[in-house]
Amino acid sequence: MNRFNLGKEPVSTLSERLYQLIDAAKNDKTNHSVVDKIQKDAQALADGQKKFCKKCGETKTLKAFYDKSLKGGKGGYGRYCLACKRT
């Protein structure tokens, strides 16, 4: 895409095209494992069941973020997953 096929309002045009793509994916009943994973991860993030690690770019369960050494040895959930902290 470029400025010629996005028209005079590129932001709104691109936004509309993305919404159309999302609607098409939702309405298509075929197997969309990537879309399903994104939806499940988004729901788990919203529910507080998972967190996103900014270092590795992965969405993981809270257990992956629990660090016993935080809060003066009482333990807590860190910003980065334990795998990233170890490296």
N, C-alpha and C. Protein backbone atom coordinates (compact mmCIF):
# COMPACT_ATOMS: atom_id res chain seq x y z
N MET A 1 0.84 -1.18 0.00
CA MET A 1 0.00 0.00 0.00
C MET A 1 0.88 1.25 0.00
N ASN A 2 0.36 2.27 -0.61
CA ASN A 2 1.06 3.55 -0.60
C ASN A 2 0.02 4.67 -0.60
N ARG A 3 0.46 5.88 -0.67
CA ARG A 3 -0.47 7.01 -0.56
C ARG A 3 -1.45 7.08 -1.72
N PHE A 4 -1.13 6.43 -2.83
CA PHE A 4 -2.02 6.48 -3.98
C PHE A 4 -3.21 5.54 -3.84
N ASN A 5 -3.03 4.39 -3.20
CA ASN A 5 -4.17 3.49 -3.05
C ASN A 5 -4.83 3.60 -1.68
N LEU A 6 -4.38 4.52 -0.85
CA LEU A 6 -5.02 4.77 0.44
C LEU A 6 -5.91 6.00 0.40
N GLY A 7 -5.85 6.76 -0.67
CA GLY A 7 -6.73 7.91 -0.83
C GLY A 7 -6.28 9.12 -0.02
N LYS A 8 -7.22 10.04 0.16
CA LYS A 8 -6.91 11.30 0.85
C LYS A 8 -6.90 11.13 2.37
N GLU A 9 -7.53 10.08 2.87
CA GLU A 9 -7.59 9.81 4.32
C GLU A 9 -6.93 8.46 4.60
N PRO A 10 -5.59 8.38 4.55
CA PRO A 10 -4.92 7.08 4.69
C PRO A 10 -5.17 6.38 6.02
N VAL A 11 -5.25 7.12 7.11
CA VAL A 11 -5.46 6.49 8.42
C VAL A 11 -6.84 5.85 8.49
N SER A 12 -7.86 6.59 8.09
CA SER A 12 -9.20 6.03 8.15
C SER A 12 -9.39 4.90 7.14
N THR A 13 -8.76 5.01 5.98
CA THR A 13 -8.84 3.95 4.97
C THR A 13 -8.18 2.67 5.48
N LEU A 14 -7.00 2.79 6.04
CA LEU A 14 -6.29 1.64 6.57
C LEU A 14 -7.06 1.03 7.75
N SER A 15 -7.59 1.88 8.61
CA SER A 15 -8.37 1.41 9.74
C SER A 15 -9.58 0.61 9.26
N GLU A 16 -10.28 1.13 8.28
CA GLU A 16 -11.46 0.44 7.73
C GLU A 16 -11.07 -0.90 7.13
N ARG A 17 -9.96 -0.94 6.42
CA ARG A 17 -9.52 -2.20 5.81
C ARG A 17 -9.14 -3.23 6.88
N LEU A 18 -8.53 -2.77 7.95
CA LEU A 18 -8.19 -3.70 9.04
C LEU A 18 -9.45 -4.24 9.72
N TYR A 19 -10.44 -3.39 9.96
CA TYR A 19 -11.70 -3.85 10.53
C TYR A 19 -12.39 -4.86 9.61
N GLN A 20 -12.33 -4.62 8.31
CA GLN A 20 -12.92 -5.56 7.36
C GLN A 20 -12.21 -6.90 7.41
N LEU A 21 -10.89 -6.88 7.53
CA LEU A 21 -10.10 -8.10 7.63
C LEU A 21 -10.45 -8.88 8.90
N ILE A 22 -10.56 -8.17 10.01
CA ILE A 22 -10.91 -8.82 11.28
C ILE A 22 -12.31 -9.41 11.21
N ASP A 23 -13.26 -8.67 10.66
CA ASP A 23 -14.63 -9.18 10.52
C ASP A 23 -14.66 -10.41 9.63
N ALA A 24 -13.91 -10.40 8.55
CA ALA A 24 -13.87 -11.55 7.65
C ALA A 24 -13.30 -12.77 8.36
N ALA A 25 -12.26 -12.56 9.18
CA ALA A 25 -11.66 -13.68 9.92
C ALA A 25 -12.63 -14.23 10.95
N LYS A 26 -13.38 -13.35 11.61
CA LYS A 26 -14.36 -13.79 12.62
C LYS A 26 -15.50 -14.57 11.99
N ASN A 27 -15.95 -14.15 10.81
CA ASN A 27 -17.10 -14.76 10.17
C ASN A 27 -16.76 -16.01 9.38
N ASP A 28 -15.48 -16.23 9.09
CA ASP A 28 -15.06 -17.41 8.34
C ASP A 28 -14.95 -18.58 9.31
N LYS A 29 -15.66 -19.65 9.04
CA LYS A 29 -15.73 -20.80 9.96
C LYS A 29 -14.62 -21.82 9.75
N THR A 30 -13.69 -21.56 8.84
CA THR A 30 -12.59 -22.49 8.61
C THR A 30 -11.59 -22.40 9.76
N ASN A 31 -10.62 -23.27 9.78
CA ASN A 31 -9.63 -23.32 10.86
C ASN A 31 -8.66 -22.15 10.75
N HIS A 32 -8.66 -21.31 11.76
CA HIS A 32 -7.75 -20.16 11.82
C HIS A 32 -6.98 -20.25 13.13
N SER A 33 -6.01 -21.14 13.18
CA SER A 33 -5.29 -21.36 14.43
C SER A 33 -4.56 -20.11 14.91
N VAL A 34 -4.03 -19.30 14.01
CA VAL A 34 -3.32 -18.09 14.42
C VAL A 34 -4.30 -17.09 15.04
N VAL A 35 -5.45 -16.90 14.38
CA VAL A 35 -6.46 -15.98 14.90
C VAL A 35 -6.98 -16.49 16.24
N ASP A 36 -7.20 -17.81 16.35
CA ASP A 36 -7.66 -18.40 17.61
C ASP A 36 -6.66 -18.16 18.74
N LYS A 37 -5.37 -18.35 18.45
CA LYS A 37 -4.33 -18.14 19.47
C LYS A 37 -4.31 -16.68 19.91
N ILE A 38 -4.41 -15.76 18.97
CA ILE A 38 -4.41 -14.34 19.31
C ILE A 38 -5.61 -14.00 20.18
N GLN A 39 -6.78 -14.53 19.82
CA GLN A 39 -7.98 -14.25 20.60
C GLN A 39 -7.88 -14.84 22.01
N LYS A 40 -7.36 -16.07 22.12
CA LYS A 40 -7.20 -16.69 23.44
C LYS A 40 -6.20 -15.93 24.30
N ASP A 41 -5.08 -15.54 23.69
CA ASP A 41 -4.07 -14.76 24.43
C ASP A 41 -4.63 -13.41 24.86
N ALA A 42 -5.38 -12.76 23.99
CA ALA A 42 -5.97 -11.45 24.32
C ALA A 42 -6.94 -11.59 25.48
N GLN A 43 -7.75 -12.65 25.47
CA GLN A 43 -8.69 -12.88 26.57
C GLN A 43 -7.96 -13.19 27.86
N ALA A 44 -6.92 -14.00 27.80
CA ALA A 44 -6.14 -14.34 28.99
C ALA A 44 -5.42 -13.11 29.55
N LEU A 45 -4.95 -12.23 28.69
CA LEU A 45 -4.32 -10.98 29.14
C LEU A 45 -5.35 -10.10 29.82
N ALA A 46 -6.53 -10.00 29.23
CA ALA A 46 -7.59 -9.18 29.81
C ALA A 46 -8.07 -9.74 31.15
N ASP A 47 -8.09 -11.05 31.28
CA ASP A 47 -8.52 -11.71 32.52
C ASP A 47 -7.43 -11.73 33.59
N GLY A 48 -6.21 -11.37 33.21
CA GLY A 48 -5.10 -11.39 34.16
C GLY A 48 -4.50 -12.77 34.34
N GLN A 49 -4.79 -13.69 33.43
CA GLN A 49 -4.25 -15.04 33.52
C GLN A 49 -2.87 -15.16 32.87
N LYS A 50 -2.55 -14.21 32.00
CA LYS A 50 -1.26 -14.21 31.31
C LYS A 50 -0.68 -12.80 31.33
N LYS A 51 0.65 -12.74 31.03
CA LYS A 51 1.34 -11.47 30.91
C LYS A 51 2.18 -11.50 29.65
N PHE A 52 2.52 -10.32 29.16
CA PHE A 52 3.37 -10.19 27.98
C PHE A 52 4.77 -9.80 28.43
N CYS A 53 5.76 -10.57 28.00
CA CYS A 53 7.15 -10.27 28.30
C CYS A 53 7.71 -9.38 27.20
N LYS A 54 8.15 -8.19 27.57
CA LYS A 54 8.66 -7.24 26.58
C LYS A 54 10.03 -7.63 26.05
N LYS A 55 10.75 -8.48 26.77
CA LYS A 55 12.08 -8.88 26.30
C LYS A 55 12.00 -9.93 25.20
N CYS A 56 11.22 -10.97 25.40
CA CYS A 56 11.15 -12.04 24.40
C CYS A 56 9.96 -11.88 23.46
N GLY A 57 9.03 -11.00 23.81
CA GLY A 57 7.88 -10.74 22.95
C GLY A 57 6.83 -11.83 22.98
N GLU A 58 6.82 -12.65 24.04
CA GLU A 58 5.87 -13.75 24.14
C GLU A 58 4.86 -13.50 25.25
N THR A 59 3.67 -14.05 25.06
CA THR A 59 2.64 -14.02 26.08
C THR A 59 2.73 -15.33 26.84
N LYS A 60 2.88 -15.25 28.16
CA LYS A 60 3.08 -16.45 28.97
C LYS A 60 2.18 -16.42 30.20
N THR A 61 2.03 -17.59 30.83
CA THR A 61 1.23 -17.67 32.04
C THR A 61 1.92 -16.89 33.16
N LEU A 62 1.15 -16.52 34.16
CA LEU A 62 1.70 -15.77 35.28
C LEU A 62 2.83 -16.52 35.98
N LYS A 63 2.72 -17.83 35.99
CA LYS A 63 3.74 -18.66 36.64
C LYS A 63 5.13 -18.38 36.06
N ALA A 64 5.20 -18.07 34.78
CA ALA A 64 6.48 -17.79 34.13
C ALA A 64 7.10 -16.48 34.60
N PHE A 65 6.32 -15.63 35.28
CA PHE A 65 6.81 -14.32 35.74
C PHE A 65 7.05 -14.28 37.25
N TYR A 66 6.67 -15.34 37.94
CA TYR A 66 6.79 -15.33 39.39
C TYR A 66 8.25 -15.51 39.81
N ASP A 67 8.73 -14.57 40.60
CA ASP A 67 10.12 -14.57 41.05
C ASP A 67 10.13 -14.51 42.57
N LYS A 68 10.66 -15.55 43.20
CA LYS A 68 10.70 -15.65 44.67
C LYS A 68 11.56 -14.56 45.30
N SER A 69 12.51 -14.01 44.55
CA SER A 69 13.43 -13.03 45.11
C SER A 69 12.83 -11.61 45.18
N LEU A 70 11.71 -11.38 44.56
CA LEU A 70 11.10 -10.05 44.57
C LEU A 70 10.42 -9.76 45.91
N LYS A 71 10.17 -8.50 46.17
CA LYS A 71 9.50 -8.02 47.39
C LYS A 71 10.20 -8.53 48.65
N GLY A 72 11.50 -8.37 48.65
CA GLY A 72 12.29 -8.73 49.82
C GLY A 72 12.23 -10.21 50.17
N GLY A 73 12.12 -11.06 49.17
CA GLY A 73 12.09 -12.50 49.39
C GLY A 73 10.69 -13.07 49.57
N LYS A 74 9.68 -12.21 49.55
CA LYS A 74 8.29 -12.68 49.68
C LYS A 74 7.75 -13.20 48.34
N GLY A 75 8.38 -12.79 47.26
CA GLY A 75 7.97 -13.23 45.93
C GLY A 75 6.97 -12.28 45.29
N GLY A 76 6.98 -12.28 43.98
CA GLY A 76 6.07 -11.43 43.23
C GLY A 76 6.23 -11.66 41.74
N TYR A 77 5.44 -10.95 40.98
CA TYR A 77 5.46 -11.10 39.52
C TYR A 77 6.30 -9.98 38.92
N GLY A 78 7.33 -10.38 38.19
CA GLY A 78 8.24 -9.42 37.59
C GLY A 78 7.77 -8.90 36.25
N ARG A 79 8.51 -7.94 35.75
CA ARG A 79 8.24 -7.33 34.46
C ARG A 79 8.56 -8.28 33.30
N TYR A 80 9.63 -9.07 33.48
CA TYR A 80 10.08 -10.00 32.46
C TYR A 80 9.91 -11.44 32.96
N CYS A 81 9.73 -12.35 32.02
CA CYS A 81 9.59 -13.77 32.40
C CYS A 81 10.93 -14.26 32.96
N LEU A 82 10.88 -15.34 33.72
CA LEU A 82 12.09 -15.87 34.34
C LEU A 82 13.11 -16.33 33.31
N ALA A 83 12.66 -16.85 32.19
CA ALA A 83 13.59 -17.28 31.14
C ALA A 83 14.43 -16.12 30.64
N CYS A 84 13.83 -14.95 30.50
CA CYS A 84 14.56 -13.77 30.04
C CYS A 84 15.45 -13.22 31.14
N LYS A 85 15.04 -13.34 32.38
CA LYS A 85 15.86 -12.85 33.49
C LYS A 85 17.14 -13.67 33.62
N ARG A 86 17.06 -14.94 33.30
CA ARG A 86 18.22 -15.83 33.44
C ARG A 86 19.27 -15.58 32.37
N THR A 87 18.86 -15.01 31.23
CA THR A 87 19.82 -14.82 30.14
C THR A 87 20.52 -13.49 30.24
